[in-house]
Every structure is written in C-alpha cells, then in structure tokens.
Amino acid sequence: MFNAAKGVTVPTNQGSPANEGSPNTVIGAMRANIVLVEYFDQNGRRTRDALLEANGNYYRPDNSVEWARSLKNVSAWLTKGVVKILPSENVQVSDTVEILPEG
C-alpha cells in the first residue's frame, strides 16, 4: 500500500490470518479424545487422570478432575458447525444379537 507521506507500507494483517469473521461461523475443527489413565507416579502413588489426545499429542490440565467438572454443553449453532466440518465416522451398527449356548 502506498502512502504519499510515509511511502510504501505493509498492511498490519498481511501474512497472518484474519482475527474477525462472520458471527457464529466455525472456521476450524479437529477431533480430540479424552483418555482416562491410571498409573503409578514418580513417588509410587496410584494416580488417575484424564488426558486430552489431539493429533497424536497428549495434554494434561493442571487439575483434570476440576477440568472435567467445568465442562458444559455448547450452543446448538456451534455443535452444528463442528459436525459439518469434521469428517463423518463410518460406524456400522448391527441390530442382531448372537446368543451363545450355556455351558
């Protein structure tokens, strides 16, 4: 951009993604899993924890119990936006049950 008083200037947002967009629009999403783990820590004490796995990396909040308690349902528009972006899972459900003989 040319400015007669300052010469050529670079827009402040050039080279970086926009930080604003249409309201209530999901622009990215990644599947993540909660992994419940039980282990003995460095002091030999049994520890139960909740880890967040995303893209092969594991994350642990400082207090996973309080973190899990703080989770709340999100707005319907946000749920719809995430479902629309994430690839659908090919889950096949069988409606038949095989009964095995006793013994």
PDB file of N, CA and C in Angstrom:
ATOM      1  N   MET A   1       0.851  -1.160   0.000  1.00  0.00           N
ATOM      2  CA  MET A   1       0.000   0.000   0.000  1.00  0.00           C
ATOM      3  C   MET A   1       0.907   1.237   0.000  1.00  0.00           C
ATOM      4  N   PHE A   2       0.611   2.182  -0.869  1.00  0.00           N
ATOM      5  CA  PHE A   2       1.429   3.397  -0.958  1.00  0.00           C
ATOM      6  C   PHE A   2       0.747   4.536  -0.226  1.00  0.00           C
ATOM      7  N   ASN A   3       1.518   5.177   0.635  1.00  0.00           N
ATOM      8  CA  ASN A   3       1.044   6.343   1.368  1.00  0.00           C
ATOM      9  C   ASN A   3       2.007   7.479   1.025  1.00  0.00           C
ATOM     10  N   ALA A   4       1.477   8.571   0.472  1.00  0.00           N
ATOM     11  CA  ALA A   4       2.334   9.669  -0.002  1.00  0.00           C
ATOM     12  C   ALA A   4       3.225  10.226   1.106  1.00  0.00           C
ATOM     13  N   ALA A   5       2.751  10.264   2.330  1.00  0.00           N
ATOM     14  CA  ALA A   5       3.543  10.822   3.425  1.00  0.00           C
ATOM     15  C   ALA A   5       4.562   9.826   3.968  1.00  0.00           C
ATOM     16  N   LYS A   6       4.237   8.513   3.971  1.00  0.00           N
ATOM     17  CA  LYS A   6       5.106   7.506   4.591  1.00  0.00           C
ATOM     18  C   LYS A   6       5.761   6.569   3.595  1.00  0.00           C
ATOM     19  N   GLY A   7       5.444   6.685   2.329  1.00  0.00           N
ATOM     20  CA  GLY A   7       5.985   5.773   1.340  1.00  0.00           C
ATOM     21  C   GLY A   7       5.174   4.488   1.291  1.00  0.00           C
ATOM     22  N   VAL A   8       5.844   3.381   1.005  1.00  0.00           N
ATOM     23  CA  VAL A   8       5.158   2.099   0.907  1.00  0.00           C
ATOM     24  C   VAL A   8       5.032   1.503   2.300  1.00  0.00           C
ATOM     25  N   THR A   9       3.831   1.087   2.664  1.00  0.00           N
ATOM     26  CA  THR A   9       3.598   0.455   3.965  1.00  0.00           C
ATOM     27  C   THR A   9       2.972  -0.917   3.754  1.00  0.00           C
ATOM     28  N   VAL A  10       3.129  -1.779   4.738  1.00  0.00           N
ATOM     29  CA  VAL A  10       2.563  -3.120   4.699  1.00  0.00           C
ATOM     30  C   VAL A  10       1.327  -3.135   5.582  1.00  0.00           C
ATOM     31  N   PRO A  11       0.203  -3.639   5.080  1.00  0.00           N
ATOM     32  CA  PRO A  11      -0.988  -3.726   5.923  1.00  0.00           C
ATOM     33  C   PRO A  11      -0.686  -4.522   7.187  1.00  0.00           C
ATOM     34  N   THR A  12      -1.288  -4.123   8.307  1.00  0.00           N
ATOM     35  CA  THR A  12      -0.977  -4.754   9.586  1.00  0.00           C
ATOM     36  C   THR A  12      -1.360  -6.224   9.640  1.00  0.00           C
ATOM     37  N   ASN A  13      -2.330  -6.648   8.843  1.00  0.00           N
ATOM     38  CA  ASN A  13      -2.757  -8.052   8.900  1.00  0.00           C
ATOM     39  C   ASN A  13      -2.149  -8.898   7.785  1.00  0.00           C
ATOM     40  N   GLN A  14      -1.198  -8.357   7.008  1.00  0.00           N
ATOM     41  CA  GLN A  14      -0.601  -9.130   5.923  1.00  0.00           C
ATOM     42  C   GLN A  14       0.247 -10.262   6.497  1.00  0.00           C
ATOM     43  N   GLY A  15       0.060 -11.448   5.962  1.00  0.00           N
ATOM     44  CA  GLY A  15       0.832 -12.598   6.406  1.00  0.00           C
ATOM     45  C   GLY A  15       0.264 -13.308   7.617  1.00  0.00           C
ATOM     46  N   SER A  16      -0.826 -12.829   8.151  1.00  0.00           N
ATOM     47  CA  SER A  16      -1.445 -13.505   9.287  1.00  0.00           C
ATOM     48  C   SER A  16      -2.927 -13.697   8.998  1.00  0.00           C
ATOM     49  N   PRO A  17      -3.525 -14.743   9.571  1.00  0.00           N
ATOM     50  CA  PRO A  17      -4.949 -14.974   9.313  1.00  0.00           C
ATOM     51  C   PRO A  17      -5.809 -13.889   9.945  1.00  0.00           C
ATOM     52  N   ALA A  18      -6.946 -13.685   9.347  1.00  0.00           N
ATOM     53  CA  ALA A  18      -7.882 -12.693   9.881  1.00  0.00           C
ATOM     54  C   ALA A  18      -8.368 -13.127  11.252  1.00  0.00           C
ATOM     55  N   ASN A  19      -8.478 -12.185  12.164  1.00  0.00           N
ATOM     56  CA  ASN A  19      -8.961 -12.481  13.508  1.00  0.00           C
ATOM     57  C   ASN A  19     -10.447 -12.205  13.660  1.00  0.00           C
ATOM     58  N   GLU A  20     -11.082 -11.759  12.600  1.00  0.00           N
ATOM     59  CA  GLU A  20     -12.504 -11.482  12.644  1.00  0.00           C
ATOM     60  C   GLU A  20     -13.165 -12.133  11.451  1.00  0.00           C
ATOM     61  N   GLY A  21     -14.436 -12.460  11.605  1.00  0.00           N
ATOM     62  CA  GLY A  21     -15.174 -13.075  10.523  1.00  0.00           C
ATOM     63  C   GLY A  21     -16.660 -12.982  10.784  1.00  0.00           C
ATOM     64  N   SER A  22     -17.424 -13.726  10.024  1.00  0.00           N
ATOM     65  CA  SER A  22     -18.869 -13.722  10.196  1.00  0.00           C
ATOM     66  C   SER A  22     -19.229 -14.306  11.558  1.00  0.00           C
ATOM     67  N   PRO A  23     -20.147 -13.681  12.283  1.00  0.00           N
ATOM     68  CA  PRO A  23     -20.532 -14.196  13.594  1.00  0.00           C
ATOM     69  C   PRO A  23     -21.074 -15.628  13.503  1.00  0.00           C
ATOM     70  N   ASN A  24     -20.829 -16.395  14.521  1.00  0.00           N
ATOM     71  CA  ASN A  24     -21.338 -17.768  14.643  1.00  0.00           C
ATOM     72  C   ASN A  24     -20.925 -18.652  13.469  1.00  0.00           C
ATOM     73  N   THR A  25     -19.660 -18.539  13.055  1.00  0.00           N
ATOM     74  CA  THR A  25     -19.137 -19.328  11.951  1.00  0.00           C
ATOM     75  C   THR A  25     -17.924 -20.119  12.430  1.00  0.00           C
ATOM     76  N   VAL A  26     -17.976 -21.435  12.309  1.00  0.00           N
ATOM     77  CA  VAL A  26     -16.841 -22.286  12.674  1.00  0.00           C
ATOM     78  C   VAL A  26     -15.854 -22.280  11.513  1.00  0.00           C
ATOM     79  N   ILE A  27     -14.572 -22.000  11.789  1.00  0.00           N
ATOM     80  CA  ILE A  27     -13.573 -21.943  10.718  1.00  0.00           C
ATOM     81  C   ILE A  27     -12.524 -23.045  10.830  1.00  0.00           C
ATOM     82  N   GLY A  28     -12.558 -23.839  11.883  1.00  0.00           N
ATOM     83  CA  GLY A  28     -11.616 -24.944  12.014  1.00  0.00           C
ATOM     84  C   GLY A  28     -12.055 -25.883  13.121  1.00  0.00           C
ATOM     85  N   ALA A  29     -11.720 -27.140  12.978  1.00  0.00           N
ATOM     86  CA  ALA A  29     -12.055 -28.127  13.997  1.00  0.00           C
ATOM     87  C   ALA A  29     -11.138 -29.326  13.836  1.00  0.00           C
ATOM     88  N   MET A  30     -10.851 -29.999  14.937  1.00  0.00           N
ATOM     89  CA  MET A  30     -10.033 -31.202  14.914  1.00  0.00           C
ATOM     90  C   MET A  30     -10.601 -32.153  15.961  1.00  0.00           C
ATOM     91  N   ARG A  31     -10.689 -33.406  15.616  1.00  0.00           N
ATOM     92  CA  ARG A  31     -11.181 -34.413  16.544  1.00  0.00           C
ATOM     93  C   ARG A  31     -10.164 -34.600  17.677  1.00  0.00           C
ATOM     94  N   ALA A  32     -10.651 -34.692  18.900  1.00  0.00           N
ATOM     95  CA  ALA A  32      -9.811 -34.938  20.071  1.00  0.00           C
ATOM     96  C   ALA A  32     -10.504 -35.983  20.929  1.00  0.00           C
ATOM     97  N   ASN A  33      -9.732 -36.731  21.678  1.00  0.00           N
ATOM     98  CA  ASN A  33     -10.289 -37.778  22.528  1.00  0.00           C
ATOM     99  C   ASN A  33      -9.865 -37.556  23.967  1.00  0.00           C
ATOM    100  N   ILE A  34     -10.742 -37.900  24.881  1.00  0.00           N
ATOM    101  CA  ILE A  34     -10.399 -37.913  26.298  1.00  0.00           C
ATOM    102  C   ILE A  34      -9.909 -39.321  26.607  1.00  0.00           C
ATOM    103  N   VAL A  35      -8.741 -39.417  27.205  1.00  0.00           N
ATOM    104  CA  VAL A  35      -8.160 -40.707  27.561  1.00  0.00           C
ATOM    105  C   VAL A  35      -8.061 -40.760  29.083  1.00  0.00           C
ATOM    106  N   LEU A  36      -8.744 -41.725  29.682  1.00  0.00           N
ATOM    107  CA  LEU A  36      -8.656 -41.911  31.120  1.00  0.00           C
ATOM    108  C   LEU A  36      -7.514 -42.872  31.386  1.00  0.00           C
ATOM    109  N   VAL A  37      -6.621 -42.490  32.287  1.00  0.00           N
ATOM    110  CA  VAL A  37      -5.422 -43.285  32.527  1.00  0.00           C
ATOM    111  C   VAL A  37      -5.208 -43.448  34.034  1.00  0.00           C
ATOM    112  N   GLU A  38      -4.685 -44.596  34.401  1.00  0.00           N
ATOM    113  CA  GLU A  38      -4.329 -44.865  35.792  1.00  0.00           C
ATOM    114  C   GLU A  38      -2.888 -45.361  35.794  1.00  0.00           C
ATOM    115  N   TYR A  39      -2.053 -44.787  36.651  1.00  0.00           N
ATOM    116  CA  TYR A  39      -0.639 -45.145  36.658  1.00  0.00           C
ATOM    117  C   TYR A  39      -0.050 -44.874  38.041  1.00  0.00           C
ATOM    118  N   PHE A  40       1.166 -45.356  38.265  1.00  0.00           N
ATOM    119  CA  PHE A  40       1.918 -45.038  39.473  1.00  0.00           C
ATOM    120  C   PHE A  40       2.871 -43.907  39.129  1.00  0.00           C
ATOM    121  N   ASP A  41       2.811 -42.817  39.900  1.00  0.00           N
ATOM    122  CA  ASP A  41       3.638 -41.644  39.599  1.00  0.00           C
ATOM    123  C   ASP A  41       5.081 -41.849  40.066  1.00  0.00           C
ATOM    124  N   GLN A  42       5.908 -40.787  39.986  1.00  0.00           N
ATOM    125  CA  GLN A  42       7.324 -40.892  40.332  1.00  0.00           C
ATOM    126  C   GLN A  42       7.557 -41.217  41.801  1.00  0.00           C
ATOM    127  N   ASN A  43       6.527 -41.045  42.647  1.00  0.00           N
ATOM    128  CA  ASN A  43       6.638 -41.398  44.064  1.00  0.00           C
ATOM    129  C   ASN A  43       6.006 -42.754  44.361  1.00  0.00           C
ATOM    130  N   GLY A  44       5.573 -43.468  43.327  1.00  0.00           N
ATOM    131  CA  GLY A  44       4.966 -44.781  43.515  1.00  0.00           C
ATOM    132  C   GLY A  44       3.504 -44.728  43.940  1.00  0.00           C
ATOM    133  N   ARG A  45       2.869 -43.553  43.869  1.00  0.00           N
ATOM    134  CA  ARG A  45       1.464 -43.424  44.252  1.00  0.00           C
ATOM    135  C   ARG A  45       0.563 -43.652  43.044  1.00  0.00           C
ATOM    136  N   ARG A  46      -0.556 -44.347  43.293  1.00  0.00           N
ATOM    137  CA  ARG A  46      -1.535 -44.568  42.227  1.00  0.00           C
ATOM    138  C   ARG A  46      -2.167 -43.220  41.850  1.00  0.00           C
ATOM    139  N   THR A  47      -2.212 -42.959  40.573  1.00  0.00           N
ATOM    140  CA  THR A  47      -2.752 -41.701  40.072  1.00  0.00           C
ATOM    141  C   THR A  47      -3.765 -41.989  38.984  1.00  0.00           C
ATOM    142  N   ARG A  48      -4.892 -41.325  39.046  1.00  0.00           N
ATOM    143  CA  ARG A  48      -5.913 -41.403  37.994  1.00  0.00           C
ATOM    144  C   ARG A  48      -6.005 -40.029  37.366  1.00  0.00           C
ATOM    145  N   ASP A  49      -6.056 -40.007  36.054  1.00  0.00           N
ATOM    146  CA  ASP A  49      -6.009 -38.731  35.359  1.00  0.00           C
ATOM    147  C   ASP A  49      -6.851 -38.783  34.097  1.00  0.00           C
ATOM    148  N   ALA A  50      -7.170 -37.623  33.564  1.00  0.00           N
ATOM    149  CA  ALA A  50      -7.849 -37.503  32.276  1.00  0.00           C
ATOM    150  C   ALA A  50      -6.934 -36.719  31.360  1.00  0.00           C
ATOM    151  N   LEU A  51      -6.579 -37.303  30.224  1.00  0.00           N
ATOM    152  CA  LEU A  51      -5.712 -36.650  29.252  1.00  0.00           C
ATOM    153  C   LEU A  51      -6.519 -36.303  28.012  1.00  0.00           C
ATOM    154  N   LEU A  52      -6.108 -35.282  27.328  1.00  0.00           N
ATOM    155  CA  LEU A  52      -6.716 -34.904  26.064  1.00  0.00           C
ATOM    156  C   LEU A  52      -5.736 -35.277  24.964  1.00  0.00           C
ATOM    157  N   GLU A  53      -6.165 -36.128  24.031  1.00  0.00           N
ATOM    158  CA  GLU A  53      -5.329 -36.522  22.905  1.00  0.00           C
ATOM    159  C   GLU A  53      -5.855 -35.826  21.661  1.00  0.00           C
ATOM    160  N   ALA A  54      -4.978 -35.100  20.981  1.00  0.00           N
ATOM    161  CA  ALA A  54      -5.347 -34.422  19.746  1.00  0.00           C
ATOM    162  C   ALA A  54      -4.177 -34.522  18.782  1.00  0.00           C
ATOM    163  N   ASN A  55      -4.419 -35.097  17.626  1.00  0.00           N
ATOM    164  CA  ASN A  55      -3.409 -35.213  16.571  1.00  0.00           C
ATOM    165  C   ASN A  55      -2.134 -35.914  17.058  1.00  0.00           C
ATOM    166  N   GLY A  56      -2.296 -36.949  17.896  1.00  0.00           N
ATOM    167  CA  GLY A  56      -1.158 -37.721  18.365  1.00  0.00           C
ATOM    168  C   GLY A  56      -0.417 -37.121  19.547  1.00  0.00           C
ATOM    169  N   ASN A  57      -0.851 -35.973  20.027  1.00  0.00           N
ATOM    170  CA  ASN A  57      -0.230 -35.337  21.190  1.00  0.00           C
ATOM    171  C   ASN A  57      -1.173 -35.454  22.384  1.00  0.00           C
ATOM    172  N   TYR A  58      -0.600 -35.575  23.582  1.00  0.00           N
ATOM    173  CA  TYR A  58      -1.398 -35.690  24.802  1.00  0.00           C
ATOM    174  C   TYR A  58      -1.203 -34.446  25.658  1.00  0.00           C
ATOM    175  N   TYR A  59      -2.309 -33.978  26.231  1.00  0.00           N
ATOM    176  CA  TYR A  59      -2.291 -32.787  27.073  1.00  0.00           C
ATOM    177  C   TYR A  59      -2.955 -33.127  28.400  1.00  0.00           C
ATOM    178  N   ARG A  60      -2.427 -32.549  29.471  1.00  0.00           N
ATOM    179  CA  ARG A  60      -2.975 -32.794  30.795  1.00  0.00           C
ATOM    180  C   ARG A  60      -3.242 -31.454  31.471  1.00  0.00           C
ATOM    181  N   PRO A  61      -4.494 -31.194  31.834  1.00  0.00           N
ATOM    182  CA  PRO A  61      -4.769 -29.968  32.584  1.00  0.00           C
ATOM    183  C   PRO A  61      -4.190 -30.082  33.992  1.00  0.00           C
ATOM    184  N   ASP A  62      -3.924 -28.955  34.631  1.00  0.00           N
ATOM    185  CA  ASP A  62      -3.359 -28.963  35.983  1.00  0.00           C
ATOM    186  C   ASP A  62      -4.213 -29.771  36.954  1.00  0.00           C
ATOM    187  N   ASN A  63      -5.519 -29.637  36.840  1.00  0.00           N
ATOM    188  CA  ASN A  63      -6.406 -30.396  37.718  1.00  0.00           C
ATOM    189  C   ASN A  63      -7.488 -31.025  36.864  1.00  0.00           C
ATOM    190  N   SER A  64      -7.252 -32.246  36.410  1.00  0.00           N
ATOM    191  CA  SER A  64      -8.177 -32.871  35.461  1.00  0.00           C
ATOM    192  C   SER A  64      -9.559 -33.117  36.052  1.00  0.00           C
ATOM    193  N   VAL A  65      -9.649 -33.351  37.358  1.00  0.00           N
ATOM    194  CA  VAL A  65     -10.960 -33.576  37.976  1.00  0.00           C
ATOM    195  C   VAL A  65     -11.783 -32.296  37.898  1.00  0.00           C
ATOM    196  N   GLU A  66     -11.212 -31.175  38.290  1.00  0.00           N
ATOM    197  CA  GLU A  66     -11.926 -29.896  38.217  1.00  0.00           C
ATOM    198  C   GLU A  66     -12.204 -29.512  36.769  1.00  0.00           C
ATOM    199  N   TRP A  67     -11.255 -29.822  35.882  1.00  0.00           N
ATOM    200  CA  TRP A  67     -11.452 -29.523  34.473  1.00  0.00           C
ATOM    201  C   TRP A  67     -12.660 -30.278  33.927  1.00  0.00           C
ATOM    202  N   ALA A  68     -12.768 -31.560  34.256  1.00  0.00           N
ATOM    203  CA  ALA A  68     -13.901 -32.358  33.783  1.00  0.00           C
ATOM    204  C   ALA A  68     -15.211 -31.826  34.348  1.00  0.00           C
ATOM    205  N   ARG A  69     -15.193 -31.400  35.601  1.00  0.00           N
ATOM    206  CA  ARG A  69     -16.409 -30.842  36.214  1.00  0.00           C
ATOM    207  C   ARG A  69     -16.826 -29.532  35.546  1.00  0.00           C
ATOM    208  N   SER A  70     -15.869 -28.802  34.970  1.00  0.00           N
ATOM    209  CA  SER A  70     -16.180 -27.492  34.395  1.00  0.00           C
ATOM    210  C   SER A  70     -16.773 -27.578  32.987  1.00  0.00           C
ATOM    211  N   LEU A  71     -16.769 -28.772  32.366  1.00  0.00           N
ATOM    212  CA  LEU A  71     -17.284 -28.904  31.008  1.00  0.00           C
ATOM    213  C   LEU A  71     -18.790 -28.682  30.963  1.00  0.00           C
ATOM    214  N   LYS A  72     -19.236 -27.959  29.968  1.00  0.00           N
ATOM    215  CA  LYS A  72     -20.662 -27.656  29.801  1.00  0.00           C
ATOM    216  C   LYS A  72     -21.037 -27.837  28.332  1.00  0.00           C
ATOM    217  N   ASN A  73     -22.317 -28.082  28.079  1.00  0.00           N
ATOM    218  CA  ASN A  73     -22.802 -28.198  26.699  1.00  0.00           C
ATOM    219  C   ASN A  73     -22.579 -26.881  25.966  1.00  0.00           C
ATOM    220  N   VAL A  74     -22.300 -26.972  24.669  1.00  0.00           N
ATOM    221  CA  VAL A  74     -22.121 -25.774  23.858  1.00  0.00           C
ATOM    222  C   VAL A  74     -23.420 -25.433  23.137  1.00  0.00           C
ATOM    223  N   SER A  75     -23.468 -24.259  22.547  1.00  0.00           N
ATOM    224  CA  SER A  75     -24.647 -23.803  21.818  1.00  0.00           C
ATOM    225  C   SER A  75     -24.931 -24.707  20.626  1.00  0.00           C
ATOM    226  N   ALA A  76     -26.199 -24.773  20.252  1.00  0.00           N
ATOM    227  CA  ALA A  76     -26.610 -25.626  19.128  1.00  0.00           C
ATOM    228  C   ALA A  76     -25.903 -25.222  17.838  1.00  0.00           C
ATOM    229  N   TRP A  77     -25.729 -23.923  17.583  1.00  0.00           N
ATOM    230  CA  TRP A  77     -25.082 -23.487  16.339  1.00  0.00           C
ATOM    231  C   TRP A  77     -23.632 -23.957  16.283  1.00  0.00           C
ATOM    232  N   LEU A  78     -22.951 -23.988  17.455  1.00  0.00           N
ATOM    233  CA  LEU A  78     -21.565 -24.424  17.490  1.00  0.00           C
ATOM    234  C   LEU A  78     -21.465 -25.931  17.244  1.00  0.00           C
ATOM    235  N   THR A  79     -22.368 -26.685  17.841  1.00  0.00           N
ATOM    236  CA  THR A  79     -22.412 -28.131  17.610  1.00  0.00           C
ATOM    237  C   THR A  79     -22.629 -28.426  16.132  1.00  0.00           C
ATOM    238  N   LYS A  80     -23.589 -27.751  15.503  1.00  0.00           N
ATOM    239  CA  LYS A  80     -23.876 -27.967  14.079  1.00  0.00           C
ATOM    240  C   LYS A  80     -22.664 -27.618  13.218  1.00  0.00           C
ATOM    241  N   GLY A  81     -21.970 -26.537  13.553  1.00  0.00           N
ATOM    242  CA  GLY A  81     -20.804 -26.124  12.778  1.00  0.00           C
ATOM    243  C   GLY A  81     -19.667 -27.132  12.865  1.00  0.00           C
ATOM    244  N   VAL A  82     -19.438 -27.691  14.047  1.00  0.00           N
ATOM    245  CA  VAL A  82     -18.375 -28.675  14.213  1.00  0.00           C
ATOM    246  C   VAL A  82     -18.725 -29.961  13.476  1.00  0.00           C
ATOM    247  N   VAL A  83     -19.963 -30.426  13.617  1.00  0.00           N
ATOM    248  CA  VAL A  83     -20.402 -31.652  12.940  1.00  0.00           C
ATOM    249  C   VAL A  83     -20.283 -31.497  11.429  1.00  0.00           C
ATOM    250  N   LYS A  84     -20.562 -30.308  10.927  1.00  0.00           N
ATOM    251  CA  LYS A  84     -20.488 -30.048   9.482  1.00  0.00           C
ATOM    252  C   LYS A  84     -19.047 -30.124   8.974  1.00  0.00           C
ATOM    253  N   ILE A  85     -18.075 -29.670   9.768  1.00  0.00           N
ATOM    254  CA  ILE A  85     -16.684 -29.640   9.333  1.00  0.00           C
ATOM    255  C   ILE A  85     -15.978 -30.970   9.536  1.00  0.00           C
ATOM    256  N   LEU A  86     -16.204 -31.634  10.671  1.00  0.00           N
ATOM    257  CA  LEU A  86     -15.498 -32.882  10.944  1.00  0.00           C
ATOM    258  C   LEU A  86     -15.962 -33.983  10.006  1.00  0.00           C
ATOM    259  N   PRO A  87     -15.041 -34.827   9.565  1.00  0.00           N
ATOM    260  CA  PRO A  87     -15.463 -35.934   8.689  1.00  0.00           C
ATOM    261  C   PRO A  87     -16.355 -36.903   9.453  1.00  0.00           C
ATOM    262  N   SER A  88     -17.323 -37.445   8.747  1.00  0.00           N
ATOM    263  CA  SER A  88     -18.230 -38.385   9.401  1.00  0.00           C
ATOM    264  C   SER A  88     -17.506 -39.691   9.655  1.00  0.00           C
ATOM    265  N   GLU A  89     -17.873 -40.335  10.724  1.00  0.00           N
ATOM    266  CA  GLU A  89     -17.275 -41.621  11.087  1.00  0.00           C
ATOM    267  C   GLU A  89     -18.093 -42.715  10.422  1.00  0.00           C
ATOM    268  N   ASN A  90     -17.420 -43.681   9.831  1.00  0.00           N
ATOM    269  CA  ASN A  90     -18.117 -44.808   9.224  1.00  0.00           C
ATOM    270  C   ASN A  90     -18.326 -45.887  10.272  1.00  0.00           C
ATOM    271  N   VAL A  91     -19.367 -45.723  11.048  1.00  0.00           N
ATOM    272  CA  VAL A  91     -19.670 -46.667  12.110  1.00  0.00           C
ATOM    273  C   VAL A  91     -20.804 -47.562  11.648  1.00  0.00           C
ATOM    274  N   GLN A  92     -20.578 -48.857  11.705  1.00  0.00           N
ATOM    275  CA  GLN A  92     -21.613 -49.805  11.317  1.00  0.00           C
ATOM    276  C   GLN A  92     -22.154 -50.461  12.568  1.00  0.00           C
ATOM    277  N   VAL A  93     -23.461 -50.416  12.718  1.00  0.00           N
ATOM    278  CA  VAL A  93     -24.109 -50.990  13.884  1.00  0.00           C
ATOM    279  C   VAL A  93     -24.947 -52.160  13.428  1.00  0.00           C
ATOM    280  N   SER A  94     -24.781 -53.272  14.096  1.00  0.00           N
ATOM    281  CA  SER A  94     -25.564 -54.463  13.776  1.00  0.00           C
ATOM    282  C   SER A  94     -26.754 -54.529  14.714  1.00  0.00           C
ATOM    283  N   ASP A  95     -27.910 -54.851  14.167  1.00  0.00           N
ATOM    284  CA  ASP A  95     -29.096 -54.944  15.012  1.00  0.00           C
ATOM    285  C   ASP A  95     -29.422 -56.394  15.376  1.00  0.00           C
ATOM    286  N   THR A  96     -28.477 -57.287  15.171  1.00  0.00           N
ATOM    287  CA  THR A  96     -28.704 -58.682  15.537  1.00  0.00           C
ATOM    288  C   THR A  96     -27.805 -59.065  16.697  1.00  0.00           C
ATOM    289  N   VAL A  97     -28.268 -59.997  17.506  1.00  0.00           N
ATOM    290  CA  VAL A  97     -27.505 -60.470  18.652  1.00  0.00           C
ATOM    291  C   VAL A  97     -27.320 -61.969  18.499  1.00  0.00           C
ATOM    292  N   GLU A  98     -26.087 -62.402  18.679  1.00  0.00           N
ATOM    293  CA  GLU A  98     -25.820 -63.844  18.624  1.00  0.00           C
ATOM    294  C   GLU A  98     -25.870 -64.391  20.041  1.00  0.00           C
ATOM    295  N   ILE A  99     -26.765 -65.327  20.289  1.00  0.00           N
ATOM    296  CA  ILE A  99     -26.904 -65.924  21.602  1.00  0.00           C
ATOM    297  C   ILE A  99     -26.131 -67.222  21.648  1.00  0.00           C
ATOM    298  N   LEU A 100     -25.201 -67.296  22.596  1.00  0.00           N
ATOM    299  CA  LEU A 100     -24.375 -68.483  22.736  1.00  0.00           C
ATOM    300  C   LEU A 100     -25.011 -69.453  23.735  1.00  0.00           C
ATOM    301  N   PRO A 101     -24.891 -70.758  23.507  1.00  0.00           N
ATOM    302  CA  PRO A 101     -25.468 -71.726  24.425  1.00  0.00           C
ATOM    303  C   PRO A 101     -24.743 -71.703  25.767  1.00  0.00           C
ATOM    304  N   GLU A 102     -25.452 -72.027  26.814  1.00  0.00           N
ATOM    305  CA  GLU A 102     -24.853 -72.078  28.144  1.00  0.00           C
ATOM    306  C   GLU A 102     -23.888 -73.258  28.214  1.00  0.00           C
ATOM    307  N   GLY A 103     -22.889 -73.104  29.051  1.00  0.00           N
ATOM    308  CA  GLY A 103     -22.041 -74.250  29.301  1.00  0.00           C
ATOM    309  C   GLY A 103     -20.689 -74.012  28.932  1.00  0.00           C
TER     310      GLY A 103
END
